[in-house]
Amino acid sequence: MANIKLFESKKIRSVWNKQEQKWYFSVSDVVEALTDSTDIKQYLKRLRQRDALLNSNWGTICTPLEMIAADGKKRKVQAANVEGLFRIIQSIPSPKAEPFKRWLAKVGQERLEEIENPELAQTRMREIYKAKGYSDEWIEKRVRGIAVRDELTNEWKKRGVKEGKEYSILTAEISKATFGLIPSNYKKLKGLTKPQENLRDHMTDLELIFTMLGEASTSEIARTKDAQGFAKNEQAAIEGGTVAGNARKELEKKSGRKVVTRQNYKALTEKQKRQIDKGKI
């Protein structure tokens, strides 16, 4: 499970290791947050030169893990768990070191709490969306949509579809059959230009509903036909999306209004943005 955490408005990429039950954090993101260095690679190089013991244990402390880069693509970066980061931080002269250690402990504790009680994760997610200005009704649909999406990806995994490129292709097929747009063109329509901007976070209630219908229909068709492999699941994706697409067209015919709109949810207040960046909400 990948995620982005915020420490004093700085984004820290992270990945949850289910086997170890530990977070792994991008070392370069952490160093940037603590030092404000403009050349992280050079800073890390000099850091390792100054600390011979850290340098000799670097391969043990850090491990390459895939995380989302600034361009939206997955790339392997040096990552470390909490214990490893504590060792690295020892060699970084920064007034932010102690606050960051406390932040790390809080992040780890919250994740362990969520494992024990999964409802906490949904509660925290709802609180973040609420703080951004989303309505309770929209939030409920977004949360339900995440559950529907998880059900679909679990089906794909069981049926031999490969994560990454094949998931993206099938998602695009569902979207095209449902809305007449693949996700990248959908984002352009809504004026979303940054790779990290999530299309579904900018959908209206109706767009979320038809997205759910397309994905739920795909799951049901894949199960009913026992679709195995990419080709069979691609056909199920087209058929599932078509179910939602036909329903969308029927609604548009009856209501006289288009379901797909340019509306997005980028108009948050500056106060809300600052609160989210500071981790206060």
C-alpha atoms as a PDB file:
ATOM      1  CA  MET A   1       0.000   0.000   0.000  1.00  0.00           C
ATOM      2  CA  ALA A   2       1.527   3.299  -1.101  1.00  0.00           C
ATOM      3  CA  ASN A   3       0.778   6.651   0.477  1.00  0.00           C
ATOM      4  CA  ILE A   4       1.917  10.244   0.833  1.00  0.00           C
ATOM      5  CA  LYS A   5       2.335  11.743   4.297  1.00  0.00           C
ATOM      6  CA  LEU A   6       2.763  15.392   5.165  1.00  0.00           C
ATOM      7  CA  PHE A   7       5.391  16.726   7.562  1.00  0.00           C
ATOM      8  CA  GLU A   8       5.218  20.515   7.917  1.00  0.00           C
ATOM      9  CA  SER A   9       3.790  20.797   4.358  1.00  0.00           C
ATOM     10  CA  LYS A  10       6.544  18.550   2.935  1.00  0.00           C
ATOM     11  CA  LYS A  11       5.367  15.440   1.106  1.00  0.00           C
ATOM     12  CA  ILE A  12       6.930  12.187   2.302  1.00  0.00           C
ATOM     13  CA  ARG A  13       6.292   9.190   0.061  1.00  0.00           C
ATOM     14  CA  SER A  14       5.763   5.930   1.921  1.00  0.00           C
ATOM     15  CA  VAL A  15       4.925   2.258   1.379  1.00  0.00           C
ATOM     16  CA  TRP A  16       3.412  -0.110   3.920  1.00  0.00           C
ATOM     17  CA  ASN A  17       5.165  -3.498   4.054  1.00  0.00           C
ATOM     18  CA  LYS A  18       2.441  -5.984   4.981  1.00  0.00           C
ATOM     19  CA  GLN A  19       4.867  -8.801   5.717  1.00  0.00           C
ATOM     20  CA  GLU A  20       6.992  -6.748   8.117  1.00  0.00           C
ATOM     21  CA  GLN A  21       4.061  -4.599   9.298  1.00  0.00           C
ATOM     22  CA  LYS A  22       6.216  -1.497   8.876  1.00  0.00           C
ATOM     23  CA  TRP A  23       6.209   1.751   6.915  1.00  0.00           C
ATOM     24  CA  TYR A  24       9.086   2.440   4.522  1.00  0.00           C
ATOM     25  CA  PHE A  25       9.747   6.088   3.674  1.00  0.00           C
ATOM     26  CA  SER A  26      11.564   7.764   0.781  1.00  0.00           C
ATOM     27  CA  VAL A  27      14.974   8.766   2.143  1.00  0.00           C
ATOM     28  CA  SER A  28      15.334  11.640  -0.317  1.00  0.00           C
ATOM     29  CA  ASP A  29      11.931  13.063   0.710  1.00  0.00           C
ATOM     30  CA  VAL A  30      12.913  12.903   4.387  1.00  0.00           C
ATOM     31  CA  VAL A  31      16.263  14.599   3.787  1.00  0.00           C
ATOM     32  CA  GLU A  32      14.577  17.332   1.755  1.00  0.00           C
ATOM     33  CA  ALA A  33      12.049  17.905   4.555  1.00  0.00           C
ATOM     34  CA  LEU A  34      14.764  18.178   7.200  1.00  0.00           C
ATOM     35  CA  THR A  35      17.353  20.201   5.308  1.00  0.00           C
ATOM     36  CA  ASP A  36      15.598  22.158   2.535  1.00  0.00           C
ATOM     37  CA  SER A  37      18.553  21.139   0.365  1.00  0.00           C
ATOM     38  CA  THR A  38      18.166  21.831  -3.351  1.00  0.00           C
ATOM     39  CA  ASP A  39      20.482  18.969  -4.342  1.00  0.00           C
ATOM     40  CA  ILE A  40      19.465  15.894  -2.358  1.00  0.00           C
ATOM     41  CA  LYS A  41      21.780  13.497  -4.179  1.00  0.00           C
ATOM     42  CA  GLN A  42      24.837  15.584  -3.353  1.00  0.00           C
ATOM     43  CA  TYR A  43      23.698  16.057   0.235  1.00  0.00           C
ATOM     44  CA  LEU A  44      23.326  12.300   0.721  1.00  0.00           C
ATOM     45  CA  LYS A  45      26.710  11.714  -0.910  1.00  0.00           C
ATOM     46  CA  ARG A  46      28.411  14.145   1.472  1.00  0.00           C
ATOM     47  CA  LEU A  47      26.453  12.717   4.423  1.00  0.00           C
ATOM     48  CA  ARG A  48      27.762   9.219   3.729  1.00  0.00           C
ATOM     49  CA  GLN A  49      31.288  10.535   3.258  1.00  0.00           C
ATOM     50  CA  ARG A  50      31.156  12.226   6.681  1.00  0.00           C
ATOM     51  CA  ASP A  51      29.692   9.193   8.463  1.00  0.00           C
ATOM     52  CA  ALA A  52      31.747   6.118   7.606  1.00  0.00           C
ATOM     53  CA  LEU A  53      29.656   3.796   9.796  1.00  0.00           C
ATOM     54  CA  LEU A  54      26.419   4.955   8.186  1.00  0.00           C
ATOM     55  CA  ASN A  55      27.993   4.500   4.764  1.00  0.00           C
ATOM     56  CA  SER A  56      29.132   0.949   5.522  1.00  0.00           C
ATOM     57  CA  ASN A  57      25.631  -0.012   6.677  1.00  0.00           C
ATOM     58  CA  TRP A  58      23.771   1.877   3.954  1.00  0.00           C
ATOM     59  CA  GLY A  59      22.782  -1.292   2.100  1.00  0.00           C
ATOM     60  CA  THR A  60      21.234  -2.692   5.278  1.00  0.00           C
ATOM     61  CA  ILE A  61      19.474   0.520   6.280  1.00  0.00           C
ATOM     62  CA  CYS A  62      18.076   1.349   2.834  1.00  0.00           C
ATOM     63  CA  THR A  63      16.295  -0.763   0.276  1.00  0.00           C
ATOM     64  CA  PRO A  64      15.106   0.197  -3.228  1.00  0.00           C
ATOM     65  CA  LEU A  65      11.297   0.319  -3.436  1.00  0.00           C
ATOM     66  CA  GLU A  66       8.915   1.500  -6.133  1.00  0.00           C
ATOM     67  CA  MET A  67       7.203   4.818  -5.436  1.00  0.00           C
ATOM     68  CA  ILE A  68       5.412   7.401  -7.564  1.00  0.00           C
ATOM     69  CA  ALA A  69       7.774  10.038  -8.962  1.00  0.00           C
ATOM     70  CA  ALA A  70       6.882  13.668  -9.706  1.00  0.00           C
ATOM     71  CA  ASP A  71       5.922  12.726 -13.284  1.00  0.00           C
ATOM     72  CA  GLY A  72       3.389  10.184 -12.026  1.00  0.00           C
ATOM     73  CA  LYS A  73       5.459   7.138 -13.008  1.00  0.00           C
ATOM     74  CA  LYS A  74       6.675   4.424 -10.648  1.00  0.00           C
ATOM     75  CA  ARG A  75      10.411   4.396 -10.009  1.00  0.00           C
ATOM     76  CA  LYS A  76      12.624   2.670  -7.479  1.00  0.00           C
ATOM     77  CA  VAL A  77      13.918   4.975  -4.758  1.00  0.00           C
ATOM     78  CA  GLN A  78      16.008   4.436  -1.651  1.00  0.00           C
ATOM     79  CA  ALA A  79      13.659   3.762   1.262  1.00  0.00           C
ATOM     80  CA  ALA A  80      14.092   3.059   4.958  1.00  0.00           C
ATOM     81  CA  ASN A  81      11.840   2.005   7.816  1.00  0.00           C
ATOM     82  CA  VAL A  82      11.497   3.991  11.042  1.00  0.00           C
ATOM     83  CA  GLU A  83      14.552   2.410  12.653  1.00  0.00           C
ATOM     84  CA  GLY A  84      16.667   3.092   9.572  1.00  0.00           C
ATOM     85  CA  LEU A  85      15.487   6.693   9.367  1.00  0.00           C
ATOM     86  CA  PHE A  86      16.396   7.267  13.014  1.00  0.00           C
ATOM     87  CA  ARG A  87      19.956   6.208  12.176  1.00  0.00           C
ATOM     88  CA  ILE A  88      20.116   8.527   9.153  1.00  0.00           C
ATOM     89  CA  ILE A  89      18.646  11.437  11.112  1.00  0.00           C
ATOM     90  CA  GLN A  90      21.422  11.084  13.700  1.00  0.00           C
ATOM     91  CA  SER A  91      23.837  12.343  11.055  1.00  0.00           C
ATOM     92  CA  ILE A  92      21.686  15.268   9.919  1.00  0.00           C
ATOM     93  CA  PRO A  93      22.157  18.519  11.866  1.00  0.00           C
ATOM     94  CA  SER A  94      18.649  19.935  11.764  1.00  0.00           C
ATOM     95  CA  PRO A  95      16.350  21.624  14.295  1.00  0.00           C
ATOM     96  CA  LYS A  96      13.526  19.613  12.716  1.00  0.00           C
ATOM     97  CA  ALA A  97      15.059  16.260  13.713  1.00  0.00           C
ATOM     98  CA  GLU A  98      13.218  15.826  17.014  1.00  0.00           C
ATOM     99  CA  PRO A  99       9.807  16.962  15.686  1.00  0.00           C
ATOM    100  CA  PHE A 100      10.302  14.579  12.764  1.00  0.00           C
ATOM    101  CA  LYS A 101      11.036  11.657  15.095  1.00  0.00           C
ATOM    102  CA  ARG A 102       7.809  12.353  16.962  1.00  0.00           C
ATOM    103  CA  TRP A 103       5.979  12.572  13.633  1.00  0.00           C
ATOM    104  CA  LEU A 104       7.384   9.182  12.582  1.00  0.00           C
ATOM    105  CA  ALA A 105       6.223   7.587  15.812  1.00  0.00           C
ATOM    106  CA  LYS A 106       2.729   9.039  15.339  1.00  0.00           C
ATOM    107  CA  VAL A 107       2.476   7.796  11.749  1.00  0.00           C
ATOM    108  CA  GLY A 108       3.536   4.302  12.775  1.00  0.00           C
ATOM    109  CA  GLN A 109       1.121   4.178  15.685  1.00  0.00           C
ATOM    110  CA  GLU A 110      -1.808   5.340  13.559  1.00  0.00           C
ATOM    111  CA  ARG A 111      -1.165   2.584  11.028  1.00  0.00           C
ATOM    112  CA  LEU A 112      -1.022  -0.094  13.729  1.00  0.00           C
ATOM    113  CA  GLU A 113      -4.291   1.244  15.142  1.00  0.00           C
ATOM    114  CA  GLU A 114      -5.886   1.040  11.701  1.00  0.00           C
ATOM    115  CA  ILE A 115      -4.796  -2.603  11.333  1.00  0.00           C
ATOM    116  CA  GLU A 116      -6.469  -3.434  14.635  1.00  0.00           C
ATOM    117  CA  ASN A 117      -9.544  -1.379  13.755  1.00  0.00           C
ATOM    118  CA  PRO A 118      -9.934  -0.806   9.966  1.00  0.00           C
ATOM    119  CA  GLU A 119     -12.803   1.620  10.574  1.00  0.00           C
ATOM    120  CA  LEU A 120     -10.256   4.141  11.883  1.00  0.00           C
ATOM    121  CA  ALA A 121      -8.699   4.428   8.417  1.00  0.00           C
ATOM    122  CA  GLN A 122     -12.067   5.280   6.888  1.00  0.00           C
ATOM    123  CA  THR A 123     -12.799   7.730   9.701  1.00  0.00           C
ATOM    124  CA  ARG A 124      -9.500   9.560   9.119  1.00  0.00           C
ATOM    125  CA  MET A 125     -10.101   9.592   5.370  1.00  0.00           C
ATOM    126  CA  ARG A 126     -13.573  11.060   5.886  1.00  0.00           C
ATOM    127  CA  GLU A 127     -12.113  13.758   8.151  1.00  0.00           C
ATOM    128  CA  ILE A 128      -9.587  14.789   5.491  1.00  0.00           C
ATOM    129  CA  TYR A 129     -12.234  15.015   2.752  1.00  0.00           C
ATOM    130  CA  LYS A 130     -14.549  16.921   5.097  1.00  0.00           C
ATOM    131  CA  ALA A 131     -11.782  19.415   5.860  1.00  0.00           C
ATOM    132  CA  LYS A 132     -11.284  19.948   2.139  1.00  0.00           C
ATOM    133  CA  GLY A 133     -14.894  21.064   1.806  1.00  0.00           C
ATOM    134  CA  TYR A 134     -16.557  17.945   0.389  1.00  0.00           C
ATOM    135  CA  SER A 135     -20.152  17.225   1.416  1.00  0.00           C
ATOM    136  CA  ASP A 136     -21.033  14.232   3.602  1.00  0.00           C
ATOM    137  CA  GLU A 137     -23.056  12.757   0.724  1.00  0.00           C
ATOM    138  CA  TRP A 138     -20.104  12.998  -1.668  1.00  0.00           C
ATOM    139  CA  ILE A 139     -17.738  11.496   0.907  1.00  0.00           C
ATOM    140  CA  GLU A 140     -19.973   8.463   1.406  1.00  0.00           C
ATOM    141  CA  LYS A 141     -20.011   7.817  -2.338  1.00  0.00           C
ATOM    142  CA  ARG A 142     -16.229   8.235  -2.555  1.00  0.00           C
ATOM    143  CA  VAL A 143     -15.659   5.781   0.287  1.00  0.00           C
ATOM    144  CA  ARG A 144     -18.062   3.293  -1.269  1.00  0.00           C
ATOM    145  CA  GLY A 145     -16.325   3.740  -4.612  1.00  0.00           C
ATOM    146  CA  ILE A 146     -12.989   2.808  -3.048  1.00  0.00           C
ATOM    147  CA  ALA A 147     -14.529  -0.402  -1.706  1.00  0.00           C
ATOM    148  CA  VAL A 148     -15.972  -1.250  -5.146  1.00  0.00           C
ATOM    149  CA  ARG A 149     -12.588  -0.584  -6.750  1.00  0.00           C
ATOM    150  CA  ASP A 150     -10.831  -2.827  -4.207  1.00  0.00           C
ATOM    151  CA  GLU A 151     -13.304  -5.611  -4.950  1.00  0.00           C
ATOM    152  CA  LEU A 152     -12.587  -5.279  -8.677  1.00  0.00           C
ATOM    153  CA  THR A 153      -8.793  -5.302  -8.319  1.00  0.00           C
ATOM    154  CA  ASN A 154      -9.049  -8.333  -6.030  1.00  0.00           C
ATOM    155  CA  GLU A 155     -10.976 -10.115  -8.785  1.00  0.00           C
ATOM    156  CA  TRP A 156      -8.339  -9.157 -11.349  1.00  0.00           C
ATOM    157  CA  LYS A 157      -5.568 -10.422  -9.102  1.00  0.00           C
ATOM    158  CA  LYS A 158      -7.303 -13.772  -8.610  1.00  0.00           C
ATOM    159  CA  ARG A 159      -7.880 -14.055 -12.360  1.00  0.00           C
ATOM    160  CA  GLY A 160      -4.299 -13.565 -13.490  1.00  0.00           C
ATOM    161  CA  VAL A 161      -4.356  -9.887 -14.465  1.00  0.00           C
ATOM    162  CA  LYS A 162      -1.002  -8.230 -13.783  1.00  0.00           C
ATOM    163  CA  GLU A 163      -0.839  -5.126 -11.611  1.00  0.00           C
ATOM    164  CA  GLY A 164       0.366  -1.937 -13.229  1.00  0.00           C
ATOM    165  CA  LYS A 165      -0.021  -1.699 -16.984  1.00  0.00           C
ATOM    166  CA  GLU A 166      -2.782  -4.318 -17.368  1.00  0.00           C
ATOM    167  CA  TYR A 167      -4.815  -2.786 -14.524  1.00  0.00           C
ATOM    168  CA  SER A 168      -4.471   0.599 -16.242  1.00  0.00           C
ATOM    169  CA  ILE A 169      -5.614  -0.769 -19.589  1.00  0.00           C
ATOM    170  CA  LEU A 170      -8.681  -2.449 -18.098  1.00  0.00           C
ATOM    171  CA  THR A 171      -9.542   0.675 -16.102  1.00  0.00           C
ATOM    172  CA  ALA A 172      -9.320   2.719 -19.293  1.00  0.00           C
ATOM    173  CA  GLU A 173     -11.644   0.274 -21.081  1.00  0.00           C
ATOM    174  CA  ILE A 174     -14.260   0.584 -18.331  1.00  0.00           C
ATOM    175  CA  SER A 175     -13.993   4.381 -18.356  1.00  0.00           C
ATOM    176  CA  LYS A 176     -14.220   4.578 -22.150  1.00  0.00           C
ATOM    177  CA  ALA A 177     -17.326   2.379 -22.245  1.00  0.00           C
ATOM    178  CA  THR A 178     -18.926   4.223 -19.311  1.00  0.00           C
ATOM    179  CA  PHE A 179     -18.147   7.849 -20.160  1.00  0.00           C
ATOM    180  CA  GLY A 180     -16.701   7.826 -23.669  1.00  0.00           C
ATOM    181  CA  LEU A 181     -13.378   9.008 -22.210  1.00  0.00           C
ATOM    182  CA  ILE A 182     -10.231   7.273 -21.026  1.00  0.00           C
ATOM    183  CA  PRO A 183      -8.923   8.595 -17.660  1.00  0.00           C
ATOM    184  CA  SER A 184      -6.132  10.755 -19.137  1.00  0.00           C
ATOM    185  CA  ASN A 185      -8.572  12.603 -21.416  1.00  0.00           C
ATOM    186  CA  TYR A 186     -11.097  12.819 -18.572  1.00  0.00           C
ATOM    187  CA  LYS A 187      -8.456  14.583 -16.447  1.00  0.00           C
ATOM    188  CA  LYS A 188      -7.745  17.040 -19.268  1.00  0.00           C
ATOM    189  CA  LEU A 189     -11.450  17.811 -19.561  1.00  0.00           C
ATOM    190  CA  LYS A 190     -11.543  18.700 -15.863  1.00  0.00           C
ATOM    191  CA  GLY A 191      -8.395  20.789 -16.053  1.00  0.00           C
ATOM    192  CA  LEU A 192      -6.310  18.415 -13.938  1.00  0.00           C
ATOM    193  CA  THR A 193      -2.717  18.872 -15.062  1.00  0.00           C
ATOM    194  CA  LYS A 194      -0.695  17.425 -12.174  1.00  0.00           C
ATOM    195  CA  PRO A 195       0.100  13.670 -12.147  1.00  0.00           C
ATOM    196  CA  GLN A 196      -0.741  13.396  -8.441  1.00  0.00           C
ATOM    197  CA  GLU A 197      -4.264  14.823  -8.893  1.00  0.00           C
ATOM    198  CA  ASN A 198      -6.726  11.965  -8.460  1.00  0.00           C
ATOM    199  CA  LEU A 199      -9.504  12.069 -11.073  1.00  0.00           C
ATOM    200  CA  ARG A 200     -12.047  10.494  -8.737  1.00  0.00           C
ATOM    201  CA  ASP A 201     -11.472  13.168  -6.118  1.00  0.00           C
ATOM    202  CA  HIS A 202     -12.768  15.644  -8.714  1.00  0.00           C
ATOM    203  CA  MET A 203     -15.833  13.730  -9.875  1.00  0.00           C
ATOM    204  CA  THR A 204     -19.392  14.833  -9.144  1.00  0.00           C
ATOM    205  CA  ASP A 205     -21.811  12.567  -7.275  1.00  0.00           C
ATOM    206  CA  LEU A 206     -23.247  11.207 -10.527  1.00  0.00           C
ATOM    207  CA  GLU A 207     -19.825  10.590 -12.040  1.00  0.00           C
ATOM    208  CA  LEU A 208     -18.857   8.601  -8.951  1.00  0.00           C
ATOM    209  CA  ILE A 209     -22.089   6.605  -9.121  1.00  0.00           C
ATOM    210  CA  PHE A 210     -21.561   5.603 -12.754  1.00  0.00           C
ATOM    211  CA  THR A 211     -17.893   4.818 -12.073  1.00  0.00           C
ATOM    212  CA  MET A 212     -19.031   2.436  -9.344  1.00  0.00           C
ATOM    213  CA  LEU A 213     -21.657   0.903 -11.609  1.00  0.00           C
ATOM    214  CA  GLY A 214     -19.092   0.244 -14.341  1.00  0.00           C
ATOM    215  CA  GLU A 215     -16.610  -1.359 -11.964  1.00  0.00           C
ATOM    216  CA  ALA A 216     -19.199  -3.341  -9.981  1.00  0.00           C
ATOM    217  CA  SER A 217     -20.680  -4.632 -13.261  1.00  0.00           C
ATOM    218  CA  THR A 218     -17.220  -5.654 -14.449  1.00  0.00           C
ATOM    219  CA  SER A 219     -16.601  -7.605 -11.223  1.00  0.00           C
ATOM    220  CA  GLU A 220     -19.942  -9.382 -11.546  1.00  0.00           C
ATOM    221  CA  ILE A 221     -19.396 -10.288 -15.210  1.00  0.00           C
ATOM    222  CA  ALA A 222     -15.858 -11.528 -14.524  1.00  0.00           C
ATOM    223  CA  ARG A 223     -17.148 -13.774 -11.720  1.00  0.00           C
ATOM    224  CA  THR A 224     -20.177 -15.039 -13.653  1.00  0.00           C
ATOM    225  CA  LYS A 225     -18.136 -15.891 -16.749  1.00  0.00           C
ATOM    226  CA  ASP A 226     -15.113 -16.994 -14.689  1.00  0.00           C
ATOM    227  CA  ALA A 227     -12.900 -14.764 -16.829  1.00  0.00           C
ATOM    228  CA  GLN A 228      -9.264 -15.882 -16.655  1.00  0.00           C
ATOM    229  CA  GLY A 229      -6.306 -13.946 -18.014  1.00  0.00           C
ATOM    230  CA  PHE A 230      -6.000 -10.477 -19.480  1.00  0.00           C
ATOM    231  CA  ALA A 231      -7.963 -10.961 -22.726  1.00  0.00           C
ATOM    232  CA  LYS A 232     -11.069 -12.414 -21.053  1.00  0.00           C
ATOM    233  CA  ASN A 233     -11.028  -9.730 -18.356  1.00  0.00           C
ATOM    234  CA  GLU A 234     -10.615  -7.031 -20.981  1.00  0.00           C
ATOM    235  CA  GLN A 235     -13.847  -8.234 -22.577  1.00  0.00           C
ATOM    236  CA  ALA A 236     -15.519  -8.232 -19.144  1.00  0.00           C
ATOM    237  CA  ALA A 237     -14.297  -4.669 -18.595  1.00  0.00           C
ATOM    238  CA  ILE A 238     -15.798  -3.509 -21.889  1.00  0.00           C
ATOM    239  CA  GLU A 239     -19.089  -5.248 -21.102  1.00  0.00           C
ATOM    240  CA  GLY A 240     -19.205  -3.907 -17.542  1.00  0.00           C
ATOM    241  CA  GLY A 241     -18.455  -0.393 -18.710  1.00  0.00           C
ATOM    242  CA  THR A 242     -21.125  -0.711 -21.405  1.00  0.00           C
ATOM    243  CA  VAL A 243     -23.740  -1.517 -18.741  1.00  0.00           C
ATOM    244  CA  ALA A 244     -22.885   1.756 -16.988  1.00  0.00           C
ATOM    245  CA  GLY A 245     -22.565   3.618 -20.289  1.00  0.00           C
ATOM    246  CA  ASN A 246     -26.050   2.610 -21.395  1.00  0.00           C
ATOM    247  CA  ALA A 247     -27.473   3.671 -18.029  1.00  0.00           C
ATOM    248  CA  ARG A 248     -25.686   7.021 -18.299  1.00  0.00           C
ATOM    249  CA  LYS A 249     -27.054   7.649 -21.782  1.00  0.00           C
ATOM    250  CA  GLU A 250     -30.575   6.784 -20.645  1.00  0.00           C
ATOM    251  CA  LEU A 251     -30.316   9.236 -17.740  1.00  0.00           C
ATOM    252  CA  GLU A 252     -28.981  11.969 -20.022  1.00  0.00           C
ATOM    253  CA  LYS A 253     -31.856  11.348 -22.432  1.00  0.00           C
ATOM    254  CA  LYS A 254     -34.463  11.610 -19.664  1.00  0.00           C
ATOM    255  CA  SER A 255     -32.870  14.536 -17.780  1.00  0.00           C
ATOM    256  CA  GLY A 256     -31.571  16.499 -20.747  1.00  0.00           C
ATOM    257  CA  ARG A 257     -28.239  17.025 -18.939  1.00  0.00           C
ATOM    258  CA  LYS A 258     -24.800  15.526 -19.450  1.00  0.00           C
ATOM    259  CA  VAL A 259     -23.333  13.423 -16.650  1.00  0.00           C
ATOM    260  CA  VAL A 260     -19.705  14.179 -17.526  1.00  0.00           C
ATOM    261  CA  THR A 261     -18.824  17.761 -16.609  1.00  0.00           C
ATOM    262  CA  ARG A 262     -15.780  20.007 -16.357  1.00  0.00           C
ATOM    263  CA  GLN A 263     -16.545  20.548 -12.663  1.00  0.00           C
ATOM    264  CA  ASN A 264     -13.728  19.744 -10.268  1.00  0.00           C
ATOM    265  CA  TYR A 265     -13.017  20.254  -6.578  1.00  0.00           C
ATOM    266  CA  LYS A 266      -9.834  22.307  -6.800  1.00  0.00           C
ATOM    267  CA  ALA A 267     -11.423  25.425  -5.283  1.00  0.00           C
ATOM    268  CA  LEU A 268     -10.425  24.820  -1.663  1.00  0.00           C
ATOM    269  CA  THR A 269      -9.904  27.817   0.591  1.00  0.00           C
ATOM    270  CA  GLU A 270      -6.304  28.774   1.300  1.00  0.00           C
ATOM    271  CA  LYS A 271      -6.979  28.285   5.007  1.00  0.00           C
ATOM    272  CA  GLN A 272      -8.072  24.700   4.410  1.00  0.00           C
ATOM    273  CA  LYS A 273      -5.002  24.036   2.286  1.00  0.00           C
ATOM    274  CA  ARG A 274      -2.668  25.384   4.958  1.00  0.00           C
ATOM    275  CA  GLN A 275      -4.385  23.309   7.646  1.00  0.00           C
ATOM    276  CA  ILE A 276      -4.057  20.137   5.574  1.00  0.00           C
ATOM    277  CA  ASP A 277      -0.402  20.856   4.748  1.00  0.00           C
ATOM    278  CA  LYS A 278       0.419  21.401   8.432  1.00  0.00           C
ATOM    279  CA  GLY A 279      -1.270  18.145   9.338  1.00  0.00           C
ATOM    280  CA  LYS A 280      -3.784  19.865  11.616  1.00  0.00           C
ATOM    281  CA  ILE A 281      -6.730  18.230   9.862  1.00  0.00           C
END
